[in-house]
Amino acid sequence: MSEIKAAKLTASQIELELKKVPDWRLNSQGEIEKTFVLNGFPQAMLFVNSVALLAESKNHHPDILIQWNKVQLALTTHDSGGITMKDFELATLANTLPLI
């Protein structure tokens, strides 16, 4: 059985939803993204592992860029061709993770 595609959001819907997720922004690739700053590389890796568990539980996986103490997440729903509520749901959950 195939999963129903999430509805792609309009530009005005994206603008409204971005106001609900602090520090997330729309990038030039049509994704929402945020850079999280942590206390060092081990903490960044712990954060990435926490994101991975959340993403797997939602079956929605971000692009992740890891730097020494920074983790950038970028979200879009590829099978829907753009940003959907699935992206904002995962962004909201990522914002609840502790930054150590």
Protein backbone atom coordinates (compact mmCIF):
# COMPACT_ATOMS: atom_id res chain seq x y z
CA MET A 1 0.00 0.00 0.00
CA SER A 2 1.43 3.40 -0.96
CA GLU A 3 1.49 6.40 1.35
CA ILE A 4 -0.64 9.44 0.44
CA LYS A 5 1.49 12.41 -0.55
CA ALA A 6 1.46 15.40 1.77
CA ALA A 7 0.00 18.58 0.27
CA LYS A 8 2.57 21.12 -0.89
CA LEU A 9 2.17 24.44 0.93
CA THR A 10 1.71 27.79 -0.82
CA ALA A 11 4.20 30.63 -0.33
CA SER A 12 1.81 32.40 2.07
CA GLN A 13 1.28 29.20 4.07
CA ILE A 14 5.06 28.71 4.32
CA GLU A 15 5.50 32.31 5.48
CA LEU A 16 2.85 31.80 8.17
CA GLU A 17 4.34 28.49 9.36
CA LEU A 18 7.87 29.92 9.51
CA LYS A 19 6.66 32.35 12.19
CA LYS A 20 5.90 29.32 14.39
CA VAL A 21 9.40 27.77 14.22
CA PRO A 22 12.01 30.16 15.64
CA ASP A 23 15.18 30.68 13.59
CA TRP A 24 14.07 28.57 10.62
CA ARG A 25 14.18 30.25 7.21
CA LEU A 26 13.41 29.53 3.59
CA ASN A 27 16.62 28.97 1.61
CA SER A 28 17.32 29.47 -2.09
CA GLN A 29 16.79 25.75 -2.81
CA GLY A 30 13.18 25.88 -1.65
CA GLU A 31 13.82 24.18 1.69
CA ILE A 32 13.37 25.35 5.23
CA GLU A 33 16.62 25.32 7.16
CA LYS A 34 18.15 26.12 10.51
CA THR A 35 21.66 25.97 11.94
CA PHE A 36 21.92 24.70 15.52
CA VAL A 37 25.01 25.71 17.52
CA LEU A 38 26.27 23.26 20.13
CA ASN A 39 29.19 23.15 22.58
CA GLY A 40 31.50 20.96 20.46
CA PHE A 41 31.77 18.09 18.02
CA PRO A 42 30.63 15.30 20.39
CA GLN A 43 27.54 17.35 21.29
CA ALA A 44 26.84 18.00 17.61
CA MET A 45 26.96 14.27 16.94
CA LEU A 46 24.61 13.54 19.85
CA PHE A 47 22.21 16.14 18.44
CA VAL A 48 22.41 14.55 14.96
CA ASN A 49 21.63 11.14 16.43
CA SER A 50 18.61 12.59 18.23
CA VAL A 51 17.42 14.17 14.96
CA ALA A 52 17.92 10.84 13.21
CA LEU A 53 15.69 9.04 15.70
CA LEU A 54 12.96 11.69 15.33
CA ALA A 55 13.24 11.63 11.55
CA GLU A 56 13.05 7.85 11.40
CA SER A 57 9.99 7.79 13.67
CA LYS A 58 8.26 10.25 11.28
CA ASN A 59 9.62 8.60 8.12
CA HIS A 60 10.78 12.06 7.04
CA HIS A 61 14.49 12.66 6.72
CA PRO A 62 16.32 16.02 6.58
CA ASP A 63 19.49 16.90 4.78
CA ILE A 64 22.12 17.34 7.49
CA LEU A 65 25.38 19.31 7.35
CA ILE A 66 27.71 18.76 10.30
CA GLN A 67 30.50 21.14 11.23
CA TRP A 68 32.58 21.16 14.40
CA ASN A 69 29.91 22.61 16.69
CA LYS A 70 27.15 23.35 14.18
CA VAL A 71 24.45 21.23 12.63
CA GLN A 72 22.40 22.55 9.74
CA LEU A 73 19.10 20.86 8.96
CA ALA A 74 17.31 21.41 5.64
CA LEU A 75 13.80 20.10 5.06
CA THR A 76 11.57 19.62 2.05
CA THR A 77 9.17 16.85 1.08
CA HIS A 78 10.66 15.48 -2.13
CA ASP A 79 7.74 13.23 -3.11
CA SER A 80 5.36 16.22 -2.84
CA GLY A 81 7.64 18.54 -4.77
CA GLY A 82 8.12 21.15 -2.05
CA ILE A 83 7.53 22.14 1.52
CA THR A 84 4.66 20.47 3.40
CA MET A 85 3.42 20.33 6.96
CA LYS A 86 5.66 17.26 7.42
CA ASP A 87 8.64 19.62 7.20
CA PHE A 88 7.24 21.99 9.81
CA GLU A 89 6.32 19.10 12.11
CA LEU A 90 9.92 17.84 12.06
CA ALA A 91 11.28 21.40 12.44
CA THR A 92 9.11 21.85 15.55
CA LEU A 93 10.38 18.59 17.02
CA ALA A 94 14.01 19.47 16.23
CA ASN A 95 13.55 22.77 18.07
CA THR A 96 12.62 20.85 21.24
CA LEU A 97 15.90 18.90 21.36
CA PRO A 98 18.41 20.03 23.98
CA LEU A 99 21.43 21.94 22.73
CA ILE A 100 24.29 20.78 24.93
